[in-house]
């Protein structure tokens, strides 16, 4: 079953009446409840009631946690869900201290919630402290954070376009895959002014195939950073396939979906043949490495992918393939090295979602 990992944050404030935790000197006493509960900042200047300000503060806290917390990779990989409860003290000056987890679900979720709580001081967030008889007091605050896995919808929205990701039948080039490759080779053009250069590289064009057989380019992955002129030619070529597709099907209905078109740019300049031969060798190594890994030969596959990366270290396709292997082996540090290069080169990258989780 396809899953979409989402995160719901539940914020509960627990300070409503006076109660000292233990009899200690006044400056070290921590209250668990107070006359006025501590409040997350951003709402204090509102000209309204205390209740409305309190609710506004809760929403701000919710937004802060939601915008910054990440579902840990280990928890997602093991389908761990549930509620983590963090407890921390709001000091008289609005800083936080003594953060700890009082309920954990494993998979790194507790550590992630602690990271968010401790980050409040790092980014200079200052709470309005709890008050007793009009005097600021140290108040303990509990923050439940709920991690939940939800079933994915059949489709996603990319800006205004509906894109089906769960299909009964994929979109296909009507004349067949071989005909598509022939069409691409015959129609892709090297940009004016680059015919005598040794520019070489591949691109993937993400093409939306609509039920009426029209197409729309949604993204171009320029794996070798060839630049706008080459990207423009790739878009022209992809658009020229309009009307030549059989649309995707979901529940006996034609639906819009994405398909990828692979394009290789290389000049016919004879002085570039050594470079082109090396590139073809590197591509072959990368393909063989992926096949070996998928068949269970992990070390042999990784070795071939590494050879391809060493030959063309800036090729983000090779880096991405090797990064996937490192990820599967849970070697997150090396995966992060490859994914950083991918992310810095591609404006829209397949590693964007996972990058903040493994690369901190």
Protein backbone atom coordinates (compact mmCIF):
# COMPACT_ATOMS: atom_id res chain seq x y z
CA UNK A 1 0.00 0.00 0.00
CA UNK A 2 1.34 3.43 -0.88
CA UNK A 3 1.94 5.61 2.12
CA UNK A 4 2.33 9.35 2.44
CA UNK A 5 4.26 10.35 5.50
CA UNK A 6 2.70 13.32 7.20
CA UNK A 7 3.10 14.99 10.53
CA UNK A 8 0.42 16.31 12.83
CA UNK A 9 1.41 18.41 15.83
CA UNK A 10 -0.81 18.64 18.89
CA UNK A 11 -0.01 21.46 21.25
CA UNK A 12 -1.48 21.40 24.75
CA UNK A 13 -0.83 24.10 27.31
CA UNK A 14 -1.23 22.99 30.91
CA UNK A 15 -0.85 26.06 33.12
CA UNK A 16 -4.07 27.31 34.73
CA UNK A 17 -3.71 27.59 38.53
CA UNK A 18 -1.06 28.06 41.26
CA UNK A 19 0.85 24.93 42.36
CA UNK A 20 4.50 24.71 43.44
CA UNK A 21 6.33 21.55 42.37
CA UNK A 22 8.43 21.43 45.52
CA UNK A 23 9.38 23.73 48.36
CA UNK A 24 12.57 25.36 47.07
CA UNK A 25 13.95 28.87 47.14
CA UNK A 26 11.70 31.18 45.13
CA UNK A 27 14.22 31.77 42.34
CA UNK A 28 14.55 28.04 41.61
CA UNK A 29 10.94 26.95 42.09
CA UNK A 30 9.37 25.44 38.99
CA UNK A 31 5.59 25.69 38.72
CA UNK A 32 3.54 23.21 36.75
CA UNK A 33 0.55 25.56 36.65
CA UNK A 34 0.23 29.31 37.03
CA UNK A 35 -2.27 32.16 37.05
CA UNK A 36 -1.37 32.99 33.47
CA UNK A 37 0.08 30.27 31.24
CA UNK A 38 3.32 30.90 29.35
CA UNK A 39 2.71 31.88 25.74
CA UNK A 40 4.65 31.43 22.53
CA UNK A 41 5.57 34.87 21.10
CA UNK A 42 3.97 36.77 18.27
CA UNK A 43 0.54 37.63 19.65
CA UNK A 44 1.23 39.91 22.64
CA UNK A 45 0.51 43.15 20.78
CA UNK A 46 -2.99 42.09 19.79
CA UNK A 47 -5.66 44.40 21.22
CA UNK A 48 -8.00 41.67 22.36
CA UNK A 49 -8.81 39.34 25.25
CA UNK A 50 -6.38 37.04 27.03
CA UNK A 51 -8.24 34.03 25.67
CA UNK A 52 -7.78 35.14 22.05
CA UNK A 53 -4.09 35.94 22.63
CA UNK A 54 -3.64 32.52 24.24
CA UNK A 55 -5.24 30.76 21.23
CA UNK A 56 -3.11 32.81 18.83
CA UNK A 57 0.03 31.76 20.73
CA UNK A 58 -0.98 28.11 20.44
CA UNK A 59 -1.33 28.48 16.66
CA UNK A 60 2.08 30.15 16.43
CA UNK A 61 3.67 27.34 18.40
CA UNK A 62 1.96 24.79 16.19
CA UNK A 63 3.25 26.56 13.07
CA UNK A 64 6.80 26.77 14.42
CA UNK A 65 6.94 23.06 15.25
CA UNK A 66 5.22 21.98 12.04
CA UNK A 67 7.51 24.09 9.84
CA UNK A 68 10.70 22.78 11.43
CA UNK A 69 10.21 19.20 12.56
CA UNK A 70 11.10 16.34 10.21
CA UNK A 71 9.77 12.79 10.33
CA UNK A 72 12.96 10.80 11.16
CA UNK A 73 14.08 8.46 8.40
CA UNK A 74 14.41 5.49 10.76
CA UNK A 75 10.86 6.01 12.05
CA UNK A 76 9.47 6.24 8.52
CA UNK A 77 11.45 3.20 7.43
CA UNK A 78 10.05 1.15 10.33
CA UNK A 79 6.49 2.57 10.07
CA UNK A 80 6.73 4.03 13.58
CA UNK A 81 3.94 6.40 14.55
CA UNK A 82 2.53 7.78 17.76
CA UNK A 83 2.88 10.69 20.17
CA UNK A 84 6.10 12.03 21.67
CA UNK A 85 5.78 14.25 24.74
CA UNK A 86 8.53 16.75 25.51
CA UNK A 87 8.74 18.63 28.80
CA UNK A 88 10.74 21.82 29.33
CA UNK A 89 10.88 24.87 31.57
CA UNK A 90 9.95 28.37 30.43
CA UNK A 91 12.32 30.65 32.34
CA UNK A 92 11.43 34.09 33.66
CA UNK A 93 13.25 35.71 30.72
CA UNK A 94 11.31 33.61 28.19
CA UNK A 95 14.12 31.19 27.33
CA UNK A 96 13.70 27.42 27.61
CA UNK A 97 15.71 24.98 29.74
CA UNK A 98 15.76 21.44 31.11
CA UNK A 99 14.20 19.94 27.99
CA UNK A 100 13.56 16.22 28.21
CA UNK A 101 11.37 13.55 26.68
CA UNK A 102 8.79 12.05 29.04
CA UNK A 103 7.18 9.83 26.40
CA UNK A 104 8.94 8.45 23.32
CA UNK A 105 8.00 6.13 20.45
CA UNK A 106 11.51 5.39 19.15
CA UNK A 107 12.93 5.71 15.67
CA UNK A 108 14.57 9.04 16.50
CA UNK A 109 11.25 10.83 17.08
CA UNK A 110 12.11 11.86 20.64
CA UNK A 111 15.47 13.24 19.56
CA UNK A 112 13.80 15.18 16.75
CA UNK A 113 11.32 16.82 19.13
CA UNK A 114 14.18 17.73 21.51
CA UNK A 115 16.04 19.29 18.57
CA UNK A 116 13.06 21.53 17.84
CA UNK A 117 12.62 22.55 21.49
CA UNK A 118 16.33 23.36 21.91
CA UNK A 119 16.32 25.31 18.64
CA UNK A 120 14.00 27.89 20.21
CA UNK A 121 16.88 29.43 22.16
CA UNK A 122 19.21 29.19 19.15
CA UNK A 123 16.88 31.32 17.01
CA UNK A 124 16.22 33.75 19.88
CA UNK A 125 12.58 32.85 20.48
CA UNK A 126 11.48 34.35 23.78
CA UNK A 127 8.22 33.18 25.36
CA UNK A 128 6.01 35.33 27.53
CA UNK A 129 6.67 33.56 30.86
CA UNK A 130 4.03 32.17 33.18
CA UNK A 131 2.75 34.67 35.73
CA UNK A 132 1.67 34.33 39.35
CA UNK A 133 0.19 37.42 41.00
CA UNK A 134 1.59 39.49 38.14
CA UNK A 135 5.16 38.23 38.67
CA UNK A 136 7.05 36.07 36.11
CA UNK A 137 7.79 32.53 37.33
CA UNK A 138 9.59 29.49 36.00
CA UNK A 139 6.91 27.19 34.57
CA UNK A 140 7.11 23.66 33.26
CA UNK A 141 5.47 23.14 29.90
CA UNK A 142 4.49 19.88 28.17
CA UNK A 143 4.44 19.63 24.37
CA UNK A 144 2.90 16.53 22.73
CA UNK A 145 3.98 15.98 19.11
CA UNK A 146 2.09 13.37 17.12
CA UNK A 147 3.80 11.50 14.27
CA UNK A 148 1.33 9.71 12.01
CA UNK A 149 1.48 7.77 8.76
CA UNK A 150 -1.41 8.31 6.36
CA UNK A 151 -2.47 6.58 3.18
CA UNK A 152 -1.57 8.50 0.05
CA UNK A 153 -4.12 9.85 -2.41
CA UNK A 154 -4.11 8.62 -5.99
CA UNK A 155 -2.82 11.99 -7.14
CA UNK A 156 -0.79 15.03 -6.12
CA UNK A 157 -1.05 18.68 -7.10
CA UNK A 158 1.92 20.33 -8.78
CA UNK A 159 0.97 23.98 -8.76
CA UNK A 160 -2.36 23.90 -10.67
CA UNK A 161 -1.79 20.55 -12.35
CA UNK A 162 -3.34 17.32 -11.08
CA UNK A 163 -0.83 14.49 -11.46
CA UNK A 164 -1.91 10.90 -10.82
CA UNK A 165 0.73 8.78 -9.12
CA UNK A 166 -1.35 5.63 -8.54
CA UNK A 167 -2.18 4.11 -11.92
CA UNK A 168 -3.67 0.98 -13.41
CA UNK A 169 -1.85 1.67 -16.67
CA UNK A 170 1.05 4.04 -17.34
CA UNK A 171 1.17 6.60 -20.11
CA UNK A 172 3.08 5.19 -23.10
CA UNK A 173 4.53 6.46 -26.34
CA UNK A 174 2.02 5.04 -28.80
CA UNK A 175 4.61 3.70 -31.24
CA UNK A 176 6.62 2.03 -28.44
CA UNK A 177 9.75 2.68 -26.37
CA UNK A 178 12.17 2.00 -29.21
CA UNK A 179 10.30 4.44 -31.42
CA UNK A 180 10.50 7.06 -28.66
CA UNK A 181 14.28 6.69 -28.47
CA UNK A 182 14.51 7.00 -32.25
CA UNK A 183 12.27 10.08 -32.19
CA UNK A 184 14.40 11.74 -29.51
CA UNK A 185 17.68 11.04 -31.34
CA UNK A 186 16.24 12.42 -34.56
CA UNK A 187 14.78 15.59 -33.07
CA UNK A 188 17.10 16.73 -30.29
CA UNK A 189 19.37 19.53 -31.43
CA UNK A 190 22.57 21.00 -30.08
CA UNK A 191 21.99 24.74 -29.48
CA UNK A 192 23.39 27.27 -31.94
CA UNK A 193 26.96 28.18 -31.10
CA UNK A 194 27.71 24.89 -29.37
CA UNK A 195 28.03 22.59 -32.39
CA UNK A 196 31.83 22.62 -32.31
CA UNK A 197 32.08 22.35 -28.53
CA UNK A 198 32.67 19.25 -26.45
CA UNK A 199 29.63 19.78 -24.26
CA UNK A 200 28.16 16.44 -23.23
CA UNK A 201 25.49 15.55 -20.73
CA UNK A 202 22.09 14.06 -20.14
CA UNK A 203 18.78 15.51 -19.04
CA UNK A 204 15.48 14.13 -17.85
CA UNK A 205 12.36 16.01 -18.89
CA UNK A 206 9.31 15.51 -16.64
CA UNK A 207 6.44 15.55 -19.11
CA UNK A 208 2.78 15.76 -18.09
CA UNK A 209 0.74 13.61 -20.46
CA UNK A 210 -2.90 14.70 -20.38
CA UNK A 211 -5.97 12.58 -21.19
CA UNK A 212 -6.42 14.50 -24.48
CA UNK A 213 -2.86 13.51 -25.54
CA UNK A 214 -1.49 17.03 -25.10
CA UNK A 215 1.74 17.40 -23.12
CA UNK A 216 3.28 19.94 -20.79
CA UNK A 217 6.86 20.14 -19.51
CA UNK A 218 6.86 20.47 -15.71
CA UNK A 219 10.57 20.16 -15.00
CA UNK A 220 13.98 19.58 -16.57
CA UNK A 221 16.76 17.87 -14.64
CA UNK A 222 20.04 19.07 -16.15
CA UNK A 223 22.37 16.45 -14.65
CA UNK A 224 25.55 18.03 -16.03
CA UNK A 225 24.48 21.66 -15.61
CA UNK A 226 24.71 22.33 -19.35
CA UNK A 227 22.68 25.51 -18.97
CA UNK A 228 19.59 27.26 -20.27
CA UNK A 229 20.28 26.93 -24.01
CA UNK A 230 20.43 23.16 -23.76
CA UNK A 231 17.44 23.04 -21.43
CA UNK A 232 15.41 25.08 -23.92
CA UNK A 233 16.22 22.62 -26.71
CA UNK A 234 15.18 19.74 -24.44
CA UNK A 235 11.84 21.44 -23.78
CA UNK A 236 11.24 22.02 -27.51
CA UNK A 237 11.95 18.38 -28.27
CA UNK A 238 9.69 17.12 -25.45
CA UNK A 239 6.82 19.37 -26.56
CA UNK A 240 7.10 17.99 -30.10
CA UNK A 241 5.89 14.60 -28.79
CA UNK A 242 2.41 16.06 -28.19
CA UNK A 243 -0.30 13.84 -29.67
CA UNK A 244 1.96 10.79 -29.83
CA UNK A 245 1.05 9.30 -26.45
CA UNK A 246 -1.50 6.87 -25.06
CA UNK A 247 -2.69 8.42 -21.77
CA UNK A 248 -2.52 6.74 -18.36
CA UNK A 249 -5.54 4.97 -16.89
CA UNK A 250 -6.87 4.91 -13.33
CA UNK A 251 -10.14 3.13 -12.49
CA UNK A 252 -11.09 2.83 -16.18
CA UNK A 253 -10.59 6.55 -16.77
CA UNK A 254 -7.87 8.39 -18.69
CA UNK A 255 -5.94 10.57 -16.24
CA UNK A 256 -3.01 13.01 -16.36
CA UNK A 257 0.34 11.68 -15.17
CA UNK A 258 4.06 12.34 -15.45
CA UNK A 259 6.50 10.45 -17.61
CA UNK A 260 10.24 11.05 -17.92
CA UNK A 261 12.06 11.52 -21.22
CA UNK A 262 15.82 10.93 -21.19
CA UNK A 263 17.86 13.13 -23.53
CA UNK A 264 21.58 12.95 -24.30
CA UNK A 265 23.39 15.96 -25.77
CA UNK A 266 26.73 15.45 -27.49
CA UNK A 267 28.52 17.15 -30.35
CA UNK A 268 29.65 15.35 -33.49
CA UNK A 269 32.99 17.17 -33.27
CA UNK A 270 35.64 14.47 -33.89
CA UNK A 271 38.04 16.08 -31.41
CA UNK A 272 35.58 15.22 -28.64
CA UNK A 273 35.36 11.50 -29.30
CA UNK A 274 37.65 10.51 -26.41
CA UNK A 275 35.49 12.44 -23.97
CA UNK A 276 32.33 10.93 -25.44
CA UNK A 277 33.76 7.43 -25.19
CA UNK A 278 34.63 8.03 -21.55
CA UNK A 279 31.13 9.31 -20.87
CA UNK A 280 29.54 6.25 -22.50
CA UNK A 281 31.82 4.03 -20.40
CA UNK A 282 30.80 5.87 -17.24
CA UNK A 283 27.11 5.50 -18.11
CA UNK A 284 27.63 1.79 -18.68
CA UNK A 285 29.39 1.46 -15.32
CA UNK A 286 26.53 3.30 -13.60
CA UNK A 287 23.91 1.08 -15.23
CA UNK A 288 25.83 -2.09 -14.41
CA UNK A 289 26.34 -0.88 -10.85
CA UNK A 290 22.62 -0.29 -10.36
CA UNK A 291 21.76 -3.71 -11.82
CA UNK A 292 24.34 -5.45 -9.61
CA UNK A 293 23.03 -3.73 -6.52
CA UNK A 294 19.41 -4.55 -7.38
CA UNK A 295 20.37 -8.21 -7.85
CA UNK A 296 21.95 -8.33 -4.38
CA UNK A 297 25.62 -7.78 -5.26
CA UNK A 298 25.98 -4.72 -3.05
CA UNK A 299 29.75 -4.24 -2.94
CA UNK A 300 30.27 -4.92 -6.66
CA UNK A 301 27.46 -2.54 -7.59
CA UNK A 302 28.76 0.21 -5.33
CA UNK A 303 32.27 -0.19 -6.78
CA UNK A 304 31.05 0.34 -10.35
CA UNK A 305 28.94 3.35 -9.35
CA UNK A 306 31.98 4.82 -7.62
CA UNK A 307 34.05 4.35 -10.80
CA UNK A 308 31.42 6.28 -12.76
CA UNK A 309 31.42 9.09 -10.18
CA UNK A 310 35.23 9.28 -10.23
CA UNK A 311 35.21 9.66 -14.02
CA UNK A 312 32.55 12.42 -13.97
CA UNK A 313 32.32 13.72 -10.38
CA UNK A 314 29.88 16.53 -11.27
CA UNK A 315 27.34 14.23 -12.92
CA UNK A 316 24.37 14.38 -10.58
CA UNK A 317 22.75 11.28 -12.09
CA UNK A 318 25.74 9.15 -11.07
CA UNK A 319 25.80 10.85 -7.67
CA UNK A 320 22.10 10.24 -7.15
CA UNK A 321 22.35 6.54 -8.02
CA UNK A 322 25.27 6.05 -5.64
CA UNK A 323 23.53 8.10 -2.95
CA UNK A 324 20.55 5.74 -3.17
CA UNK A 325 22.83 2.78 -2.50
CA UNK A 326 24.41 4.54 0.48
CA UNK A 327 20.92 5.34 1.77
CA UNK A 328 19.83 1.71 1.48
CA UNK A 329 22.97 0.70 3.37
CA UNK A 330 22.16 3.35 6.00
CA UNK A 331 25.50 5.07 5.35
CA UNK A 332 23.86 8.48 5.71
CA UNK A 333 27.06 10.52 5.87
CA UNK A 334 28.24 9.35 2.44
CA UNK A 335 24.71 9.59 1.05
CA UNK A 336 24.61 13.19 2.23
CA UNK A 337 27.85 13.99 0.36
CA UNK A 338 26.36 12.76 -2.92
CA UNK A 339 22.93 14.29 -2.27
CA UNK A 340 24.46 17.69 -1.50
CA UNK A 341 25.94 17.84 -5.01
CA UNK A 342 22.62 16.73 -6.50
CA UNK A 343 20.69 19.33 -4.53
CA UNK A 344 23.10 22.15 -5.39
CA UNK A 345 22.87 21.41 -9.12
CA UNK A 346 19.20 20.59 -9.69
CA UNK A 347 16.57 23.21 -8.91
CA UNK A 348 13.95 20.52 -8.43
CA UNK A 349 15.62 17.45 -7.01
CA UNK A 350 14.40 13.98 -6.02
CA UNK A 351 16.46 14.33 -2.84
CA UNK A 352 14.76 17.50 -1.57
CA UNK A 353 12.39 15.68 0.79
CA UNK A 354 14.96 13.34 2.31
CA UNK A 355 17.85 15.85 2.39
CA UNK A 356 16.81 17.76 5.55
CA UNK A 357 16.39 14.47 7.40
CA UNK A 358 19.82 12.98 6.75
CA UNK A 359 21.92 16.12 6.14
CA UNK A 360 21.91 18.29 9.24
